[in-house]
Amino acid sequence: MFEKIEEIIRNIENLRDEITILLNMAKIDLIDYILIKRGSKDMPEGLSMGMLADIDEEVDKLKKQIDLLNKIKREMLIF
């Protein structure tokens, strides 16, 4: 079970690094990305829809890994 948790944590760290790289390539930070997704901020001219889609894809993968980790946590805490 701990091996699975360690694997998920490694995946989360790798995805975080990948998202950071993509954000740097898009020349925005995480806060800007969140505001753009909420519609609270306009998309910068230099940011393409393709780049935004790439970031969205990695963020979705990150969400899935976090959900999986939370599921395992719930299962382990129920005796």
PDB file of N, CA and C in Angstrom:
ATOM      1  N   MET A   1       0.824  -1.188   0.000  1.00  0.00           N
ATOM      2  CA  MET A   1       0.000   0.000   0.000  1.00  0.00           C
ATOM      3  C   MET A   1       0.873   1.260   0.000  1.00  0.00           C
ATOM      4  N   PHE A   2       1.943   1.226   0.791  1.00  0.00           N
ATOM      5  CA  PHE A   2       2.828   2.389   0.848  1.00  0.00           C
ATOM      6  C   PHE A   2       3.549   2.611  -0.481  1.00  0.00           C
ATOM      7  N   GLU A   3       3.816   1.510  -1.195  1.00  0.00           N
ATOM      8  CA  GLU A   3       4.440   1.658  -2.505  1.00  0.00           C
ATOM      9  C   GLU A   3       3.523   2.433  -3.451  1.00  0.00           C
ATOM     10  N   LYS A   4       2.227   2.133  -3.372  1.00  0.00           N
ATOM     11  CA  LYS A   4       1.253   2.829  -4.222  1.00  0.00           C
ATOM     12  C   LYS A   4       1.203   4.311  -3.859  1.00  0.00           C
ATOM     13  N   ILE A   5       1.236   4.612  -2.577  1.00  0.00           N
ATOM     14  CA  ILE A   5       1.218   6.010  -2.128  1.00  0.00           C
ATOM     15  C   ILE A   5       2.473   6.729  -2.613  1.00  0.00           C
ATOM     16  N   GLU A   6       3.619   6.087  -2.498  1.00  0.00           N
ATOM     17  CA  GLU A   6       4.869   6.696  -2.966  1.00  0.00           C
ATOM     18  C   GLU A   6       4.845   6.934  -4.470  1.00  0.00           C
ATOM     19  N   GLU A   7       4.266   6.001  -5.211  1.00  0.00           N
ATOM     20  CA  GLU A   7       4.158   6.162  -6.662  1.00  0.00           C
ATOM     21  C   GLU A   7       3.266   7.364  -7.007  1.00  0.00           C
ATOM     22  N   ILE A   8       2.158   7.486  -6.315  1.00  0.00           N
ATOM     23  CA  ILE A   8       1.242   8.611  -6.560  1.00  0.00           C
ATOM     24  C   ILE A   8       1.927   9.930  -6.229  1.00  0.00           C
ATOM     25  N   ILE A   9       2.658   9.968  -5.138  1.00  0.00           N
ATOM     26  CA  ILE A   9       3.365  11.191  -4.752  1.00  0.00           C
ATOM     27  C   ILE A   9       4.421  11.553  -5.794  1.00  0.00           C
ATOM     28  N   ARG A  10       5.131  10.551  -6.310  1.00  0.00           N
ATOM     29  CA  ARG A  10       6.105  10.808  -7.383  1.00  0.00           C
ATOM     30  C   ARG A  10       5.406  11.364  -8.618  1.00  0.00           C
ATOM     31  N   ASN A  11       4.256  10.787  -8.948  1.00  0.00           N
ATOM     32  CA  ASN A  11       3.488  11.274 -10.101  1.00  0.00           C
ATOM     33  C   ASN A  11       3.054  12.724  -9.893  1.00  0.00           C
ATOM     34  N   ILE A  12       2.611  13.041  -8.692  1.00  0.00           N
ATOM     35  CA  ILE A  12       2.191  14.403  -8.372  1.00  0.00           C
ATOM     36  C   ILE A  12       3.366  15.359  -8.526  1.00  0.00           C
ATOM     37  N   GLU A  13       4.522  14.976  -8.024  1.00  0.00           N
ATOM     38  CA  GLU A  13       5.704  15.835  -8.136  1.00  0.00           C
ATOM     39  C   GLU A  13       6.113  16.026  -9.594  1.00  0.00           C
ATOM     40  N   ASN A  14       6.054  14.952 -10.386  1.00  0.00           N
ATOM     41  CA  ASN A  14       6.395  15.055 -11.807  1.00  0.00           C
ATOM     42  C   ASN A  14       5.415  15.959 -12.549  1.00  0.00           C
ATOM     43  N   LEU A  15       4.145  15.809 -12.240  1.00  0.00           N
ATOM     44  CA  LEU A  15       3.138  16.654 -12.879  1.00  0.00           C
ATOM     45  C   LEU A  15       3.296  18.111 -12.464  1.00  0.00           C
ATOM     46  N   ARG A  16       3.641  18.338 -11.217  1.00  0.00           N
ATOM     47  CA  ARG A  16       3.887  19.710 -10.758  1.00  0.00           C
ATOM     48  C   ARG A  16       5.028  20.334 -11.550  1.00  0.00           C
ATOM     49  N   ASP A  17       6.081  19.560 -11.737  1.00  0.00           N
ATOM     50  CA  ASP A  17       7.220  20.059 -12.514  1.00  0.00           C
ATOM     51  C   ASP A  17       6.814  20.341 -13.965  1.00  0.00           C
ATOM     52  N   GLU A  18       6.035  19.450 -14.547  1.00  0.00           N
ATOM     53  CA  GLU A  18       5.587  19.628 -15.929  1.00  0.00           C
ATOM     54  C   GLU A  18       4.695  20.871 -16.056  1.00  0.00           C
ATOM     55  N   ILE A  19       3.807  21.067 -15.106  1.00  0.00           N
ATOM     56  CA  ILE A  19       2.943  22.252 -15.115  1.00  0.00           C
ATOM     57  C   ILE A  19       3.776  23.513 -14.968  1.00  0.00           C
ATOM     58  N   THR A  20       4.769  23.479 -14.106  1.00  0.00           N
ATOM     59  CA  THR A  20       5.649  24.641 -13.918  1.00  0.00           C
ATOM     60  C   THR A  20       6.371  24.987 -15.220  1.00  0.00           C
ATOM     61  N   ILE A  21       6.857  23.976 -15.914  1.00  0.00           N
ATOM     62  CA  ILE A  21       7.535  24.201 -17.191  1.00  0.00           C
ATOM     63  C   ILE A  21       6.573  24.823 -18.201  1.00  0.00           C
ATOM     64  N   LEU A  22       5.369  24.260 -18.288  1.00  0.00           N
ATOM     65  CA  LEU A  22       4.390  24.794 -19.243  1.00  0.00           C
ATOM     66  C   LEU A  22       3.989  26.230 -18.897  1.00  0.00           C
ATOM     67  N   LEU A  23       3.819  26.516 -17.615  1.00  0.00           N
ATOM     68  CA  LEU A  23       3.483  27.880 -17.212  1.00  0.00           C
ATOM     69  C   LEU A  23       4.606  28.846 -17.561  1.00  0.00           C
ATOM     70  N   ASN A  24       5.846  28.409 -17.355  1.00  0.00           N
ATOM     71  CA  ASN A  24       6.991  29.253 -17.714  1.00  0.00           C
ATOM     72  C   ASN A  24       7.055  29.472 -19.226  1.00  0.00           C
ATOM     73  N   MET A  25       6.768  28.448 -19.997  1.00  0.00           N
ATOM     74  CA  MET A  25       6.755  28.589 -21.451  1.00  0.00           C
ATOM     75  C   MET A  25       5.664  29.566 -21.896  1.00  0.00           C
ATOM     76  N   ALA A  26       4.540  29.549 -21.173  1.00  0.00           N
ATOM     77  CA  ALA A  26       3.429  30.443 -21.509  1.00  0.00           C
ATOM     78  C   ALA A  26       3.628  31.844 -20.928  1.00  0.00           C
ATOM     79  N   LYS A  27       4.661  31.975 -20.103  1.00  0.00           N
ATOM     80  CA  LYS A  27       4.987  33.254 -19.459  1.00  0.00           C
ATOM     81  C   LYS A  27       3.854  33.763 -18.565  1.00  0.00           C
ATOM     82  N   ILE A  28       3.246  32.811 -17.828  1.00  0.00           N
ATOM     83  CA  ILE A  28       2.251  33.164 -16.821  1.00  0.00           C
ATOM     84  C   ILE A  28       2.579  32.378 -15.564  1.00  0.00           C
ATOM     85  N   ASP A  29       1.995  32.784 -14.455  1.00  0.00           N
ATOM     86  CA  ASP A  29       2.180  32.003 -13.229  1.00  0.00           C
ATOM     87  C   ASP A  29       0.879  31.279 -12.899  1.00  0.00           C
ATOM     88  N   LEU A  30       0.896  30.494 -11.846  1.00  0.00           N
ATOM     89  CA  LEU A  30      -0.258  29.682 -11.487  1.00  0.00           C
ATOM     90  C   LEU A  30      -1.477  30.545 -11.164  1.00  0.00           C
ATOM     91  N   ILE A  31      -1.259  31.663 -10.482  1.00  0.00           N
ATOM     92  CA  ILE A  31      -2.362  32.560 -10.141  1.00  0.00           C
ATOM     93  C   ILE A  31      -3.011  33.103 -11.415  1.00  0.00           C
ATOM     94  N   ASP A  32      -2.196  33.513 -12.388  1.00  0.00           N
ATOM     95  CA  ASP A  32      -2.737  33.992 -13.667  1.00  0.00           C
ATOM     96  C   ASP A  32      -3.551  32.899 -14.353  1.00  0.00           C
ATOM     97  N   TYR A  33      -3.028  31.687 -14.338  1.00  0.00           N
ATOM     98  CA  TYR A  33      -3.727  30.569 -14.964  1.00  0.00           C
ATOM     99  C   TYR A  33      -5.104  30.366 -14.326  1.00  0.00           C
ATOM    100  N   ILE A  34      -5.139  30.373 -13.001  1.00  0.00           N
ATOM    101  CA  ILE A  34      -6.410  30.184 -12.294  1.00  0.00           C
ATOM    102  C   ILE A  34      -7.383  31.308 -12.627  1.00  0.00           C
ATOM    103  N   LEU A  35      -6.893  32.540 -12.642  1.00  0.00           N
ATOM    104  CA  LEU A  35      -7.761  33.679 -12.958  1.00  0.00           C
ATOM    105  C   LEU A  35      -8.272  33.601 -14.404  1.00  0.00           C
ATOM    106  N   ILE A  36      -7.437  33.168 -15.314  1.00  0.00           N
ATOM    107  CA  ILE A  36      -7.863  33.007 -16.711  1.00  0.00           C
ATOM    108  C   ILE A  36      -8.941  31.936 -16.806  1.00  0.00           C
ATOM    109  N   LYS A  37      -8.738  30.819 -16.116  1.00  0.00           N
ATOM    110  CA  LYS A  37      -9.723  29.736 -16.151  1.00  0.00           C
ATOM    111  C   LYS A  37     -11.048  30.173 -15.534  1.00  0.00           C
ATOM    112  N   ARG A  38     -11.017  30.995 -14.499  1.00  0.00           N
ATOM    113  CA  ARG A  38     -12.243  31.489 -13.866  1.00  0.00           C
ATOM    114  C   ARG A  38     -12.926  32.562 -14.702  1.00  0.00           C
ATOM    115  N   GLY A  39     -12.194  33.130 -15.627  1.00  0.00           N
ATOM    116  CA  GLY A  39     -12.729  34.215 -16.428  1.00  0.00           C
ATOM    117  C   GLY A  39     -12.545  35.569 -15.782  1.00  0.00           C
ATOM    118  N   SER A  40     -11.763  35.614 -14.711  1.00  0.00           N
ATOM    119  CA  SER A  40     -11.508  36.865 -14.008  1.00  0.00           C
ATOM    120  C   SER A  40     -10.407  37.683 -14.654  1.00  0.00           C
ATOM    121  N   LYS A  41      -9.683  37.065 -15.574  1.00  0.00           N
ATOM    122  CA  LYS A  41      -8.577  37.752 -16.248  1.00  0.00           C
ATOM    123  C   LYS A  41      -8.580  37.364 -17.717  1.00  0.00           C
ATOM    124  N   ASP A  42      -8.288  38.319 -18.567  1.00  0.00           N
ATOM    125  CA  ASP A  42      -8.203  38.039 -20.002  1.00  0.00           C
ATOM    126  C   ASP A  42      -6.935  37.258 -20.302  1.00  0.00           C
ATOM    127  N   MET A  43      -7.023  36.453 -21.339  1.00  0.00           N
ATOM    128  CA  MET A  43      -5.873  35.676 -21.762  1.00  0.00           C
ATOM    129  C   MET A  43      -4.862  36.610 -22.427  1.00  0.00           C
ATOM    130  N   PRO A  44      -3.595  36.539 -22.004  1.00  0.00           N
ATOM    131  CA  PRO A  44      -2.571  37.386 -22.635  1.00  0.00           C
ATOM    132  C   PRO A  44      -2.456  37.081 -24.134  1.00  0.00           C
ATOM    133  N   GLU A  45      -2.048  38.072 -24.896  1.00  0.00           N
ATOM    134  CA  GLU A  45      -1.949  37.917 -26.350  1.00  0.00           C
ATOM    135  C   GLU A  45      -0.976  36.809 -26.751  1.00  0.00           C
ATOM    136  N   GLY A  46       0.090  36.651 -26.013  1.00  0.00           N
ATOM    137  CA  GLY A  46       1.099  35.660 -26.358  1.00  0.00           C
ATOM    138  C   GLY A  46       0.723  34.231 -26.000  1.00  0.00           C
ATOM    139  N   LEU A  47      -0.374  34.044 -25.286  1.00  0.00           N
ATOM    140  CA  LEU A  47      -0.786  32.709 -24.850  1.00  0.00           C
ATOM    141  C   LEU A  47      -1.750  32.111 -25.874  1.00  0.00           C
ATOM    142  N   SER A  48      -1.357  31.002 -26.469  1.00  0.00           N
ATOM    143  CA  SER A  48      -2.207  30.357 -27.469  1.00  0.00           C
ATOM    144  C   SER A  48      -3.186  29.392 -26.799  1.00  0.00           C
ATOM    145  N   MET A  49      -4.249  29.104 -27.509  1.00  0.00           N
ATOM    146  CA  MET A  49      -5.232  28.137 -27.000  1.00  0.00           C
ATOM    147  C   MET A  49      -4.596  26.745 -26.857  1.00  0.00           C
ATOM    148  N   GLY A  50      -3.666  26.440 -27.740  1.00  0.00           N
ATOM    149  CA  GLY A  50      -2.981  25.150 -27.659  1.00  0.00           C
ATOM    150  C   GLY A  50      -2.162  25.014 -26.387  1.00  0.00           C
ATOM    151  N   MET A  51      -1.457  26.086 -26.031  1.00  0.00           N
ATOM    152  CA  MET A  51      -0.660  26.069 -24.802  1.00  0.00           C
ATOM    153  C   MET A  51      -1.573  25.950 -23.591  1.00  0.00           C
ATOM    154  N   LEU A  52      -2.686  26.679 -23.613  1.00  0.00           N
ATOM    155  CA  LEU A  52      -3.644  26.614 -22.513  1.00  0.00           C
ATOM    156  C   LEU A  52      -4.233  25.204 -22.399  1.00  0.00           C
ATOM    157  N   ALA A  53      -4.495  24.567 -23.534  1.00  0.00           N
ATOM    158  CA  ALA A  53      -5.017  23.203 -23.534  1.00  0.00           C
ATOM    159  C   ALA A  53      -3.990  22.228 -22.965  1.00  0.00           C
ATOM    160  N   ASP A  54      -2.710  22.433 -23.274  1.00  0.00           N
ATOM    161  CA  ASP A  54      -1.652  21.582 -22.717  1.00  0.00           C
ATOM    162  C   ASP A  54      -1.600  21.707 -21.198  1.00  0.00           C
ATOM    163  N   ILE A  55      -1.707  22.941 -20.705  1.00  0.00           N
ATOM    164  CA  ILE A  55      -1.698  23.164 -19.255  1.00  0.00           C
ATOM    165  C   ILE A  55      -2.925  22.511 -18.631  1.00  0.00           C
ATOM    166  N   ASP A  56      -4.085  22.699 -19.260  1.00  0.00           N
ATOM    167  CA  ASP A  56      -5.333  22.090 -18.756  1.00  0.00           C
ATOM    168  C   ASP A  56      -5.193  20.579 -18.631  1.00  0.00           C
ATOM    169  N   GLU A  57      -4.585  19.966 -19.630  1.00  0.00           N
ATOM    170  CA  GLU A  57      -4.417  18.509 -19.633  1.00  0.00           C
ATOM    171  C   GLU A  57      -3.562  18.046 -18.459  1.00  0.00           C
ATOM    172  N   GLU A  58      -2.462  18.734 -18.218  1.00  0.00           N
ATOM    173  CA  GLU A  58      -1.585  18.356 -17.105  1.00  0.00           C
ATOM    174  C   GLU A  58      -2.256  18.621 -15.755  1.00  0.00           C
ATOM    175  N   VAL A  59      -3.015  19.701 -15.665  1.00  0.00           N
ATOM    176  CA  VAL A  59      -3.729  20.007 -14.424  1.00  0.00           C
ATOM    177  C   VAL A  59      -4.783  18.931 -14.156  1.00  0.00           C
ATOM    178  N   ASP A  60      -5.470  18.465 -15.191  1.00  0.00           N
ATOM    179  CA  ASP A  60      -6.450  17.388 -15.026  1.00  0.00           C
ATOM    180  C   ASP A  60      -5.779  16.101 -14.532  1.00  0.00           C
ATOM    181  N   LYS A  61      -4.604  15.800 -15.087  1.00  0.00           N
ATOM    182  CA  LYS A  61      -3.861  14.625 -14.610  1.00  0.00           C
ATOM    183  C   LYS A  61      -3.487  14.781 -13.143  1.00  0.00           C
ATOM    184  N   LEU A  62      -3.085  15.996 -12.761  1.00  0.00           N
ATOM    185  CA  LEU A  62      -2.726  16.267 -11.370  1.00  0.00           C
ATOM    186  C   LEU A  62      -3.934  16.081 -10.461  1.00  0.00           C
ATOM    187  N   LYS A  63      -5.083  16.582 -10.880  1.00  0.00           N
ATOM    188  CA  LYS A  63      -6.312  16.426 -10.083  1.00  0.00           C
ATOM    189  C   LYS A  63      -6.637  14.955  -9.878  1.00  0.00           C
ATOM    190  N   LYS A  64      -6.486  14.150 -10.924  1.00  0.00           N
ATOM    191  CA  LYS A  64      -6.783  12.712 -10.821  1.00  0.00           C
ATOM    192  C   LYS A  64      -5.854  12.033  -9.826  1.00  0.00           C
ATOM    193  N   GLN A  65      -4.576  12.390  -9.840  1.00  0.00           N
ATOM    194  CA  GLN A  65      -3.625  11.797  -8.906  1.00  0.00           C
ATOM    195  C   GLN A  65      -3.944  12.210  -7.465  1.00  0.00           C
ATOM    196  N   ILE A  66      -4.325  13.472  -7.273  1.00  0.00           N
ATOM    197  CA  ILE A  66      -4.680  13.947  -5.932  1.00  0.00           C
ATOM    198  C   ILE A  66      -5.941  13.242  -5.452  1.00  0.00           C
ATOM    199  N   ASP A  67      -6.925  13.064  -6.336  1.00  0.00           N
ATOM    200  CA  ASP A  67      -8.148  12.344  -5.968  1.00  0.00           C
ATOM    201  C   ASP A  67      -7.835  10.902  -5.586  1.00  0.00           C
ATOM    202  N   LEU A  68      -6.942  10.273  -6.335  1.00  0.00           N
ATOM    203  CA  LEU A  68      -6.551   8.898  -6.037  1.00  0.00           C
ATOM    204  C   LEU A  68      -5.865   8.813  -4.672  1.00  0.00           C
ATOM    205  N   LEU A  69      -5.001   9.768  -4.385  1.00  0.00           N
ATOM    206  CA  LEU A  69      -4.333   9.795  -3.082  1.00  0.00           C
ATOM    207  C   LEU A  69      -5.347   9.982  -1.963  1.00  0.00           C
ATOM    208  N   ASN A  70      -6.320  10.868  -2.154  1.00  0.00           N
ATOM    209  CA  ASN A  70      -7.362  11.075  -1.148  1.00  0.00           C
ATOM    210  C   ASN A  70      -8.212   9.831  -0.955  1.00  0.00           C
ATOM    211  N   LYS A  71      -8.486   9.096  -2.031  1.00  0.00           N
ATOM    212  CA  LYS A  71      -9.262   7.860  -1.932  1.00  0.00           C
ATOM    213  C   LYS A  71      -8.517   6.828  -1.083  1.00  0.00           C
ATOM    214  N   ILE A  72      -7.228   6.689  -1.348  1.00  0.00           N
ATOM    215  CA  ILE A  72      -6.422   5.748  -0.571  1.00  0.00           C
ATOM    216  C   ILE A  72      -6.382   6.170   0.898  1.00  0.00           C
ATOM    217  N   LYS A  73      -6.262   7.465   1.132  1.00  0.00           N
ATOM    218  CA  LYS A  73      -6.232   7.979   2.498  1.00  0.00           C
ATOM    219  C   LYS A  73      -7.526   7.605   3.239  1.00  0.00           C
ATOM    220  N   ARG A  74      -8.650   7.812   2.568  1.00  0.00           N
ATOM    221  CA  ARG A  74      -9.937   7.460   3.202  1.00  0.00           C
ATOM    222  C   ARG A  74     -10.022   5.977   3.499  1.00  0.00           C
ATOM    223  N   GLU A  75      -9.562   5.158   2.549  1.00  0.00           N
ATOM    224  CA  GLU A  75      -9.608   3.698   2.733  1.00  0.00           C
ATOM    225  C   GLU A  75      -8.720   3.265   3.887  1.00  0.00           C
ATOM    226  N   MET A  76      -7.568   3.902   4.056  1.00  0.00           N
ATOM    227  CA  MET A  76      -6.644   3.507   5.110  1.00  0.00           C
ATOM    228  C   MET A  76      -7.140   3.931   6.483  1.00  0.00           C
ATOM    229  N   LEU A  77      -7.892   5.005   6.551  1.00  0.00           N
ATOM    230  CA  LEU A  77      -8.351   5.520   7.838  1.00  0.00           C
ATOM    231  C   LEU A  77      -9.629   4.864   8.323  1.00  0.00           C
ATOM    232  N   ILE A  78     -10.256   4.047   7.472  1.00  0.00           N
ATOM    233  CA  ILE A  78     -11.461   3.317   7.874  1.00  0.00           C
ATOM    234  C   ILE A  78     -11.034   1.914   8.278  1.00  0.00           C
ATOM    235  N   PHE A  79     -11.327   1.584   9.513  1.00  0.00           N
ATOM    236  CA  PHE A  79     -10.925   0.254  10.014  1.00  0.00           C
ATOM    237  C   PHE A  79     -12.105  -0.665   9.924  1.00  0.00           C
TER     238      PHE A  79
END
